[in-house]
C-alpha atoms as a PDB file:
ATOM      1  CA  MET A   1    -107.294 144.967 139.465  1.00  0.00           C
ATOM      2  CA  SER A   2    -104.820 148.199 140.821  1.00  0.00           C
ATOM      3  CA  VAL A   3    -101.529 148.836 140.775  1.00  0.00           C
ATOM      4  CA  LYS A   4     -99.658 149.555 143.940  1.00  0.00           C
ATOM      5  CA  ILE A   5     -97.360 152.474 143.271  1.00  0.00           C
ATOM      6  CA  SER A   6     -94.318 152.406 146.118  1.00  0.00           C
ATOM      7  CA  ALA A   7     -93.426 156.106 146.850  1.00  0.00           C
ATOM      8  CA  ALA A   8     -89.173 154.430 146.036  1.00  0.00           C
ATOM      9  CA  ASP A   9     -91.256 154.629 142.385  1.00  0.00           C
ATOM     10  CA  VAL A  10     -92.341 157.818 142.253  1.00  0.00           C
ATOM     11  CA  LYS A  11     -88.994 159.370 144.187  1.00  0.00           C
ATOM     12  CA  LYS A  12     -87.207 157.986 140.945  1.00  0.00           C
ATOM     13  CA  LEU A  13     -89.635 159.163 138.782  1.00  0.00           C
ATOM     14  CA  ARG A  14     -89.115 162.617 140.239  1.00  0.00           C
ATOM     15  CA  ASP A  15     -85.585 162.458 140.051  1.00  0.00           C
ATOM     16  CA  VAL A  16     -85.933 161.706 136.457  1.00  0.00           C
ATOM     17  CA  THR A  17     -88.209 164.200 135.196  1.00  0.00           C
ATOM     18  CA  GLY A  18     -88.279 167.183 137.859  1.00  0.00           C
ATOM     19  CA  ALA A  19     -91.493 166.571 137.930  1.00  0.00           C
ATOM     20  CA  GLY A  20     -94.235 167.391 141.549  1.00  0.00           C
ATOM     21  CA  MET A  21     -94.808 164.270 143.439  1.00  0.00           C
ATOM     22  CA  MET A  22     -98.174 164.317 143.017  1.00  0.00           C
ATOM     23  CA  ASP A  23     -97.937 164.274 138.798  1.00  0.00           C
ATOM     24  CA  CYS A  24     -95.667 161.345 139.159  1.00  0.00           C
ATOM     25  CA  LYS A  25     -98.058 159.299 141.204  1.00  0.00           C
ATOM     26  CA  LYS A  26    -100.973 160.504 139.149  1.00  0.00           C
ATOM     27  CA  ALA A  27     -98.715 159.400 135.786  1.00  0.00           C
ATOM     28  CA  LEU A  28     -97.497 156.086 137.283  1.00  0.00           C
ATOM     29  CA  THR A  29    -101.171 155.181 138.450  1.00  0.00           C
ATOM     30  CA  GLU A  30    -102.661 155.999 134.679  1.00  0.00           C
ATOM     31  CA  ALA A  31     -99.625 153.942 133.365  1.00  0.00           C
ATOM     32  CA  GLU A  32    -100.271 151.238 135.724  1.00  0.00           C
ATOM     33  CA  GLY A  33     -96.738 151.317 137.075  1.00  0.00           C
ATOM     34  CA  ASP A  34     -95.220 150.984 133.596  1.00  0.00           C
ATOM     35  CA  TYR A  35     -92.137 153.448 134.388  1.00  0.00           C
ATOM     36  CA  ASP A  36     -91.366 154.564 130.704  1.00  0.00           C
ATOM     37  CA  LYS A  37     -94.794 155.363 129.490  1.00  0.00           C
ATOM     38  CA  ALA A  38     -95.452 157.337 132.875  1.00  0.00           C
ATOM     39  CA  ILE A  39     -92.500 159.407 131.378  1.00  0.00           C
ATOM     40  CA  GLU A  40     -94.533 159.781 128.339  1.00  0.00           C
ATOM     41  CA  ILE A  41     -97.733 160.760 130.222  1.00  0.00           C
ATOM     42  CA  LEU A  42     -95.467 163.422 131.699  1.00  0.00           C
ATOM     43  CA  ARG A  43     -94.275 164.746 128.189  1.00  0.00           C
ATOM     44  CA  LYS A  44     -97.576 165.061 126.962  1.00  0.00           C
ATOM     45  CA  LYS A  45     -98.450 167.169 129.337  1.00  0.00           C
ATOM     46  CA  GLY A  46     -95.629 169.088 128.997  1.00  0.00           C
ATOM     47  CA  GLN A  47     -96.752 169.060 125.381  1.00  0.00           C
ATOM     48  CA  LYS A  48    -100.070 170.167 125.565  1.00  0.00           C
ATOM     49  CA  LEU A  49     -98.952 172.944 128.582  1.00  0.00           C
ATOM     50  CA  SER A  50     -97.000 174.209 125.978  1.00  0.00           C
ATOM     51  CA  ASP A  51     -99.352 174.722 123.284  1.00  0.00           C
ATOM     52  CA  LYS A  52    -101.610 175.961 125.427  1.00  0.00           C
ATOM     53  CA  ARG A  53     -99.492 178.827 126.922  1.00  0.00           C
ATOM     54  CA  ALA A  54     -97.674 178.876 123.179  1.00  0.00           C
ATOM     55  CA  ASP A  55     -98.624 183.193 123.158  1.00  0.00           C
ATOM     56  CA  ARG A  56     -97.199 184.012 126.463  1.00  0.00           C
ATOM     57  CA  GLN A  57     -94.029 185.888 126.632  1.00  0.00           C
ATOM     58  CA  ALA A  58     -90.665 184.437 127.465  1.00  0.00           C
ATOM     59  CA  ASN A  59     -88.280 186.811 128.009  1.00  0.00           C
ATOM     60  CA  GLU A  60     -86.585 186.343 131.386  1.00  0.00           C
ATOM     61  CA  GLY A  61     -84.339 182.747 130.911  1.00  0.00           C
ATOM     62  CA  VAL A  62     -80.284 182.030 131.027  1.00  0.00           C
ATOM     63  CA  VAL A  63     -77.879 182.415 128.716  1.00  0.00           C
ATOM     64  CA  VAL A  64     -74.397 180.524 128.702  1.00  0.00           C
ATOM     65  CA  ALA A  65     -71.155 179.633 126.950  1.00  0.00           C
ATOM     66  CA  VAL A  66     -68.982 177.622 126.831  1.00  0.00           C
ATOM     67  CA  VAL A  67     -66.030 176.822 125.094  1.00  0.00           C
ATOM     68  CA  SER A  68     -63.846 173.592 124.191  1.00  0.00           C
ATOM     69  CA  GLU A  69     -60.283 172.938 126.357  1.00  0.00           C
ATOM     70  CA  ASP A  70     -57.949 173.820 123.161  1.00  0.00           C
ATOM     71  CA  HIS A  71     -60.398 177.217 123.298  1.00  0.00           C
ATOM     72  CA  LYS A  72     -60.566 175.815 119.158  1.00  0.00           C
ATOM     73  CA  ARG A  73     -64.491 176.239 119.526  1.00  0.00           C
ATOM     74  CA  GLY A  74     -67.342 178.194 121.675  1.00  0.00           C
ATOM     75  CA  VAL A  75     -71.505 177.772 121.977  1.00  0.00           C
ATOM     76  CA  ILE A  76     -74.063 180.097 123.029  1.00  0.00           C
ATOM     77  CA  VAL A  77     -77.144 178.696 124.274  1.00  0.00           C
ATOM     78  CA  LYS A  78     -80.251 180.810 125.488  1.00  0.00           C
ATOM     79  CA  LEU A  79     -83.328 178.667 127.234  1.00  0.00           C
ATOM     80  CA  SER A  80     -86.152 181.039 127.922  1.00  0.00           C
ATOM     81  CA  CYS A  81     -88.776 181.023 130.640  1.00  0.00           C
ATOM     82  CA  GLU A  82     -91.583 183.553 131.598  1.00  0.00           C
ATOM     83  CA  THR A  83     -90.170 184.419 135.144  1.00  0.00           C
ATOM     84  CA  ASP A  84     -87.223 185.484 136.980  1.00  0.00           C
ATOM     85  CA  PHE A  85     -88.070 183.031 139.579  1.00  0.00           C
ATOM     86  CA  VAL A  86     -87.573 180.651 136.966  1.00  0.00           C
ATOM     87  CA  ALA A  87     -84.461 181.772 135.591  1.00  0.00           C
ATOM     88  CA  LYS A  88     -82.546 182.084 138.568  1.00  0.00           C
ATOM     89  CA  ASN A  89     -83.752 178.104 140.075  1.00  0.00           C
ATOM     90  CA  ASP A  90     -80.364 176.408 140.670  1.00  0.00           C
ATOM     91  CA  ASP A  91     -81.847 173.076 138.427  1.00  0.00           C
ATOM     92  CA  PHE A  92     -82.890 175.271 135.511  1.00  0.00           C
ATOM     93  CA  VAL A  93     -79.797 176.958 134.945  1.00  0.00           C
ATOM     94  CA  LYS A  94     -78.046 173.366 135.417  1.00  0.00           C
ATOM     95  CA  LEU A  95     -80.553 172.172 132.161  1.00  0.00           C
ATOM     96  CA  THR A  96     -79.036 174.974 130.284  1.00  0.00           C
ATOM     97  CA  LYS A  97     -75.431 174.632 131.084  1.00  0.00           C
ATOM     98  CA  GLU A  98     -75.865 170.735 130.093  1.00  0.00           C
ATOM     99  CA  PHE A  99     -77.349 172.094 126.805  1.00  0.00           C
ATOM    100  CA  ALA A 100     -74.576 173.731 126.089  1.00  0.00           C
ATOM    101  CA  ASN A 101     -72.420 171.046 127.011  1.00  0.00           C
ATOM    102  CA  ALA A 102     -73.966 168.618 124.603  1.00  0.00           C
ATOM    103  CA  ALA A 103     -74.190 171.208 121.713  1.00  0.00           C
ATOM    104  CA  LEU A 104     -70.285 171.708 122.130  1.00  0.00           C
ATOM    105  CA  THR A 105     -69.940 168.107 122.204  1.00  0.00           C
ATOM    106  CA  ASN A 106     -71.508 167.735 118.981  1.00  0.00           C
ATOM    107  CA  PHE A 107     -71.601 170.638 117.501  1.00  0.00           C
ATOM    108  CA  PRO A 108     -74.945 170.494 115.169  1.00  0.00           C
ATOM    109  CA  ALA A 109     -75.170 173.105 111.963  1.00  0.00           C
ATOM    110  CA  ASP A 110     -78.291 175.061 113.492  1.00  0.00           C
ATOM    111  CA  ARG A 111     -80.493 174.962 116.364  1.00  0.00           C
ATOM    112  CA  ASP A 112     -82.866 172.182 115.076  1.00  0.00           C
ATOM    113  CA  GLY A 113     -79.634 170.205 115.088  1.00  0.00           C
ATOM    114  CA  LEU A 114     -79.026 170.866 118.617  1.00  0.00           C
ATOM    115  CA  LEU A 115     -83.236 170.287 119.702  1.00  0.00           C
ATOM    116  CA  ALA A 116     -82.479 166.590 118.176  1.00  0.00           C
ATOM    117  CA  LEU A 117     -79.757 165.843 119.887  1.00  0.00           C
ATOM    118  CA  ASP A 118     -80.170 162.749 122.421  1.00  0.00           C
ATOM    119  CA  PHE A 119     -80.301 163.856 125.839  1.00  0.00           C
ATOM    120  CA  GLY A 120     -81.162 160.618 128.256  1.00  0.00           C
ATOM    121  CA  GLY A 121     -83.121 158.450 125.607  1.00  0.00           C
ATOM    122  CA  ILE A 122     -85.086 161.306 124.611  1.00  0.00           C
ATOM    123  CA  SER A 123     -84.368 164.083 122.275  1.00  0.00           C
ATOM    124  CA  ILE A 124     -83.211 168.160 123.597  1.00  0.00           C
ATOM    125  CA  GLY A 125     -86.408 169.253 122.122  1.00  0.00           C
ATOM    126  CA  GLU A 126     -88.525 166.735 123.694  1.00  0.00           C
ATOM    127  CA  LYS A 127     -87.020 167.504 127.142  1.00  0.00           C
ATOM    128  CA  VAL A 128     -87.724 170.958 126.679  1.00  0.00           C
ATOM    129  CA  ILE A 129     -91.255 169.941 126.756  1.00  0.00           C
ATOM    130  CA  GLU A 130     -91.142 168.103 129.490  1.00  0.00           C
ATOM    131  CA  GLN A 131     -89.963 170.601 131.617  1.00  0.00           C
ATOM    132  CA  VAL A 132     -92.808 173.157 130.430  1.00  0.00           C
ATOM    133  CA  GLY A 133     -95.183 170.489 132.239  1.00  0.00           C
ATOM    134  CA  VAL A 134     -92.546 170.326 135.304  1.00  0.00           C
ATOM    135  CA  ILE A 135     -92.004 173.762 135.751  1.00  0.00           C
ATOM    136  CA  GLY A 136     -95.670 175.343 134.386  1.00  0.00           C
ATOM    137  CA  GLU A 137     -94.178 178.173 132.640  1.00  0.00           C
ATOM    138  CA  LYS A 138     -93.559 178.544 128.635  1.00  0.00           C
ATOM    139  CA  ILE A 139     -90.215 177.001 128.450  1.00  0.00           C
ATOM    140  CA  GLU A 140     -87.619 177.430 124.531  1.00  0.00           C
ATOM    141  CA  LEU A 141     -84.450 176.897 123.529  1.00  0.00           C
ATOM    142  CA  ALA A 142     -84.677 180.260 122.295  1.00  0.00           C
ATOM    143  CA  SER A 143     -81.053 180.654 120.801  1.00  0.00           C
ATOM    144  CA  TYR A 144     -77.823 178.507 119.972  1.00  0.00           C
ATOM    145  CA  GLU A 145     -74.847 180.125 118.465  1.00  0.00           C
ATOM    146  CA  LYS A 146     -71.354 178.433 117.617  1.00  0.00           C
ATOM    147  CA  LEU A 147     -68.143 180.041 116.320  1.00  0.00           C
ATOM    148  CA  GLU A 148     -64.701 178.425 115.538  1.00  0.00           C
ATOM    149  CA  SER A 149     -61.710 179.774 115.391  1.00  0.00           C
ATOM    150  CA  GLU A 150     -57.983 179.697 116.273  1.00  0.00           C
ATOM    151  CA  LEU A 151     -58.709 181.001 119.580  1.00  0.00           C
ATOM    152  CA  VAL A 152     -62.184 181.424 121.226  1.00  0.00           C
ATOM    153  CA  ALA A 153     -63.281 183.338 124.207  1.00  0.00           C
ATOM    154  CA  PRO A 154     -66.235 183.321 126.231  1.00  0.00           C
ATOM    155  CA  TYR A 155     -67.668 186.225 128.529  1.00  0.00           C
ATOM    156  CA  ILE A 156     -70.987 185.666 130.547  1.00  0.00           C
ATOM    157  CA  HIS A 157     -72.850 189.250 131.818  1.00  0.00           C
ATOM    158  CA  MET A 158     -73.411 188.828 135.352  1.00  0.00           C
ATOM    159  CA  GLY A 159     -76.451 186.667 136.117  1.00  0.00           C
ATOM    160  CA  ASN A 160     -76.368 184.634 132.914  1.00  0.00           C
ATOM    161  CA  LYS A 161     -78.551 187.697 131.008  1.00  0.00           C
ATOM    162  CA  ALA A 162     -75.803 187.521 128.562  1.00  0.00           C
ATOM    163  CA  ALA A 163     -73.352 185.861 126.645  1.00  0.00           C
ATOM    164  CA  VAL A 164     -70.528 186.461 124.364  1.00  0.00           C
ATOM    165  CA  LEU A 165     -68.108 184.353 122.500  1.00  0.00           C
ATOM    166  CA  VAL A 166     -65.417 186.109 120.820  1.00  0.00           C
ATOM    167  CA  GLY A 167     -62.720 184.728 117.875  1.00  0.00           C
ATOM    168  CA  LEU A 168     -58.998 185.770 117.613  1.00  0.00           C
ATOM    169  CA  ASN A 169     -57.075 184.903 114.687  1.00  0.00           C
ATOM    170  CA  LYS A 170     -54.069 182.932 116.619  1.00  0.00           C
ATOM    171  CA  GLY A 171     -54.298 180.655 118.901  1.00  0.00           C
ATOM    172  CA  ASP A 172     -51.407 181.010 121.582  1.00  0.00           C
ATOM    173  CA  ASP A 173     -52.867 180.664 125.171  1.00  0.00           C
ATOM    174  CA  ALA A 174     -51.634 183.832 126.031  1.00  0.00           C
ATOM    175  CA  PHE A 175     -54.101 185.750 124.384  1.00  0.00           C
ATOM    176  CA  TYR A 176     -56.588 184.343 125.753  1.00  0.00           C
ATOM    177  CA  GLN A 177     -57.485 187.472 128.687  1.00  0.00           C
ATOM    178  CA  ALA A 178     -57.678 189.665 125.496  1.00  0.00           C
ATOM    179  CA  GLY A 179     -60.129 187.387 123.523  1.00  0.00           C
ATOM    180  CA  ARG A 180     -62.071 187.762 127.196  1.00  0.00           C
ATOM    181  CA  ASP A 181     -61.764 191.379 127.314  1.00  0.00           C
ATOM    182  CA  VAL A 182     -63.191 191.994 123.790  1.00  0.00           C
ATOM    183  CA  ALA A 183     -66.110 189.262 124.809  1.00  0.00           C
ATOM    184  CA  MET A 184     -66.447 192.063 127.688  1.00  0.00           C
ATOM    185  CA  GLN A 185     -66.226 195.258 125.774  1.00  0.00           C
ATOM    186  CA  VAL A 186     -69.216 193.204 123.121  1.00  0.00           C
ATOM    187  CA  ALA A 187     -71.812 192.427 125.879  1.00  0.00           C
ATOM    188  CA  ALA A 188     -70.773 196.488 127.201  1.00  0.00           C
ATOM    189  CA  MET A 189     -70.936 198.099 123.858  1.00  0.00           C
ATOM    190  CA  HIS A 190     -73.191 196.127 121.799  1.00  0.00           C
ATOM    191  CA  PRO A 191     -71.299 196.169 118.360  1.00  0.00           C
ATOM    192  CA  VAL A 192     -72.863 195.748 115.266  1.00  0.00           C
ATOM    193  CA  ALA A 193     -69.769 194.179 113.089  1.00  0.00           C
ATOM    194  CA  VAL A 194     -66.613 193.319 113.358  1.00  0.00           C
ATOM    195  CA  ASP A 195     -65.558 196.442 111.238  1.00  0.00           C
ATOM    196  CA  LYS A 196     -67.260 198.279 108.328  1.00  0.00           C
ATOM    197  CA  ASP A 197     -66.561 195.407 105.890  1.00  0.00           C
ATOM    198  CA  GLY A 198     -68.990 193.272 108.086  1.00  0.00           C
ATOM    199  CA  VAL A 199     -71.770 195.278 108.176  1.00  0.00           C
ATOM    200  CA  ASP A 200     -74.926 194.941 105.932  1.00  0.00           C
ATOM    201  CA  GLN A 201     -75.435 197.810 103.151  1.00  0.00           C
ATOM    202  CA  SER A 202     -79.288 197.891 104.295  1.00  0.00           C
ATOM    203  CA  ILE A 203     -77.899 199.212 107.724  1.00  0.00           C
ATOM    204  CA  ILE A 204     -75.245 201.494 105.649  1.00  0.00           C
ATOM    205  CA  ASP A 205     -78.157 202.882 103.620  1.00  0.00           C
ATOM    206  CA  LYS A 206     -79.817 203.757 106.554  1.00  0.00           C
ATOM    207  CA  GLU A 207     -77.693 205.601 108.486  1.00  0.00           C
ATOM    208  CA  ILE A 208     -76.824 206.896 104.958  1.00  0.00           C
ATOM    209  CA  GLU A 209     -80.643 208.252 104.919  1.00  0.00           C
ATOM    210  CA  ILE A 210     -80.628 209.160 108.478  1.00  0.00           C
ATOM    211  CA  GLY A 211     -77.750 211.621 107.599  1.00  0.00           C
ATOM    212  CA  LYS A 212     -78.765 213.138 104.974  1.00  0.00           C
ATOM    213  CA  GLU A 213     -82.605 213.805 106.679  1.00  0.00           C
ATOM    214  CA  ILE A 214     -80.766 215.467 109.854  1.00  0.00           C
ATOM    215  CA  ALA A 215     -79.041 217.568 107.670  1.00  0.00           C
ATOM    216  CA  ARG A 216     -81.620 218.429 105.725  1.00  0.00           C
ATOM    217  CA  ASN A 217     -83.798 219.257 109.183  1.00  0.00           C
ATOM    218  CA  GLU A 218     -80.890 221.412 109.972  1.00  0.00           C
ATOM    219  CA  GLY A 219     -81.352 223.559 106.963  1.00  0.00           C
ATOM    220  CA  LYS A 220     -77.789 222.569 105.593  1.00  0.00           C
ATOM    221  CA  ALA A 221     -76.876 223.030 102.015  1.00  0.00           C
ATOM    222  CA  ASP A 222     -77.857 220.815  99.211  1.00  0.00           C
ATOM    223  CA  ASN A 223     -73.965 220.588  97.835  1.00  0.00           C
ATOM    224  CA  LEU A 224     -73.408 219.188 101.726  1.00  0.00           C
ATOM    225  CA  ILE A 225     -76.191 217.051 102.402  1.00  0.00           C
ATOM    226  CA  GLU A 226     -73.945 214.460 101.302  1.00  0.00           C
ATOM    227  CA  ARG A 227     -70.698 215.281 102.814  1.00  0.00           C
ATOM    228  CA  ILE A 228     -72.540 215.204 106.214  1.00  0.00           C
ATOM    229  CA  ALA A 229     -74.455 211.960 106.191  1.00  0.00           C
ATOM    230  CA  MET A 230     -71.200 210.381 105.143  1.00  0.00           C
ATOM    231  CA  GLY A 231     -69.167 211.626 107.692  1.00  0.00           C
ATOM    232  CA  LYS A 232     -72.249 210.831 110.295  1.00  0.00           C
ATOM    233  CA  LEU A 233     -71.469 207.418 109.016  1.00  0.00           C
ATOM    234  CA  ASN A 234     -67.725 207.240 109.838  1.00  0.00           C
ATOM    235  CA  LYS A 235     -69.053 208.440 113.272  1.00  0.00           C
ATOM    236  CA  PHE A 236     -71.576 205.461 113.005  1.00  0.00           C
ATOM    237  CA  PHE A 237     -68.166 202.980 112.462  1.00  0.00           C
ATOM    238  CA  LYS A 238     -65.973 204.364 114.968  1.00  0.00           C
ATOM    239  CA  GLU A 239     -68.882 203.790 117.426  1.00  0.00           C
ATOM    240  CA  LYS A 240     -70.735 200.230 116.190  1.00  0.00           C
ATOM    241  CA  THR A 241     -68.177 198.240 114.902  1.00  0.00           C
ATOM    242  CA  LEU A 242     -65.908 196.062 117.155  1.00  0.00           C
ATOM    243  CA  LEU A 243     -62.352 196.887 116.052  1.00  0.00           C
ATOM    244  CA  ASN A 244     -62.983 200.507 116.004  1.00  0.00           C
ATOM    245  CA  GLN A 245     -64.910 201.396 119.187  1.00  0.00           C
ATOM    246  CA  GLN A 246     -63.136 203.083 122.534  1.00  0.00           C
ATOM    247  CA  PHE A 247     -61.605 200.131 124.319  1.00  0.00           C
ATOM    248  CA  VAL A 248     -63.786 200.419 127.380  1.00  0.00           C
ATOM    249  CA  LYS A 249     -60.450 199.304 130.024  1.00  0.00           C
ATOM    250  CA  ASP A 250     -58.711 202.462 127.984  1.00  0.00           C
ATOM    251  CA  SER A 251     -60.498 204.672 125.938  1.00  0.00           C
ATOM    252  CA  SER A 252     -57.085 205.807 124.988  1.00  0.00           C
ATOM    253  CA  LEU A 253     -56.856 202.885 122.836  1.00  0.00           C
ATOM    254  CA  THR A 254     -59.420 201.344 120.124  1.00  0.00           C
ATOM    255  CA  VAL A 255     -60.015 197.882 120.494  1.00  0.00           C
ATOM    256  CA  SER A 256     -58.113 197.189 117.052  1.00  0.00           C
ATOM    257  CA  SER A 257     -54.817 199.198 118.818  1.00  0.00           C
ATOM    258  CA  PHE A 258     -55.616 197.419 122.324  1.00  0.00           C
ATOM    259  CA  LEU A 259     -54.876 193.562 119.990  1.00  0.00           C
ATOM    260  CA  SER A 260     -52.155 195.227 118.347  1.00  0.00           C
ATOM    261  CA  GLY A 261     -50.440 195.863 121.445  1.00  0.00           C
ATOM    262  CA  GLN A 262     -50.336 192.318 122.374  1.00  0.00           C
ATOM    263  CA  ASP A 263     -48.981 191.000 118.705  1.00  0.00           C
ATOM    264  CA  LYS A 264     -48.980 193.490 115.468  1.00  0.00           C
ATOM    265  CA  GLU A 265     -51.094 190.752 113.662  1.00  0.00           C
ATOM    266  CA  LEU A 266     -53.554 190.313 116.325  1.00  0.00           C
ATOM    267  CA  THR A 267     -56.961 190.823 115.429  1.00  0.00           C
ATOM    268  CA  VAL A 268     -60.838 189.320 115.850  1.00  0.00           C
ATOM    269  CA  THR A 269     -62.282 186.591 113.175  1.00  0.00           C
ATOM    270  CA  ASP A 270     -65.675 187.169 114.721  1.00  0.00           C
ATOM    271  CA  PHE A 271     -68.127 187.237 117.356  1.00  0.00           C
ATOM    272  CA  LYS A 272     -71.377 186.180 119.000  1.00  0.00           C
ATOM    273  CA  HIS A 273     -73.576 187.759 121.197  1.00  0.00           C
ATOM    274  CA  VAL A 274     -76.800 186.635 123.021  1.00  0.00           C
ATOM    275  CA  THR A 275     -78.774 188.721 125.411  1.00  0.00           C
ATOM    276  CA  LEU A 276     -82.450 187.839 126.965  1.00  0.00           C
ATOM    277  CA  GLY A 277     -85.612 189.418 125.576  1.00  0.00           C
END
């Protein structure tokens, strides 16, 4: 004897999962009206679709940064998809923000910890899989970054295409806007480290070798090659380390001098920068 599936049952399942009306009706019919089993069927559909689309590129999506009310903690979450059409969908943006808020509340150690968090009775990882079935695209929780400092300021680039967190060493709320200005600097200028001490040695070695190769190709004397390479390395530090960069809002200042103008001891402790792609 077949179980009668009401329109109200179908709507209830759709409201919870976001799946299409026909998909919800089929799942409820297959589950013989068992609501939880129908959700499981839809999730399994998502898992199958996820596996099928594993080789697809998910270069679009939404990047969100949120910070705690006391500005001591912040997180960035990137939820990737295949098309800009999906990325601009209000429900997709809302889901990314919900994941980010869950991350901020629980502050897991890493991405795996975030995927394991409870999200309305299932894990965030399972919710992502479910959305593959709902949306019909490859969906990935592609990035998770967190930052703790005396003051953490966020910046989200237009259209949720990139997000930044900047940590400052002083917690006075008067410095919050300065932190946001520096976060905007990170989004615009893509520094590789806070200062030269934070640059990975492999990057330094590579820059020195590039500088030497350029000098050789320009026919410089052997006794000058090392000096020229070190000069190019110092230029790299000025252009690619945050505190030494020209400040985008006032090119007469470096980021370091901008901050010391707010307070002579104010500086950046760390930053996180996540972009699409």
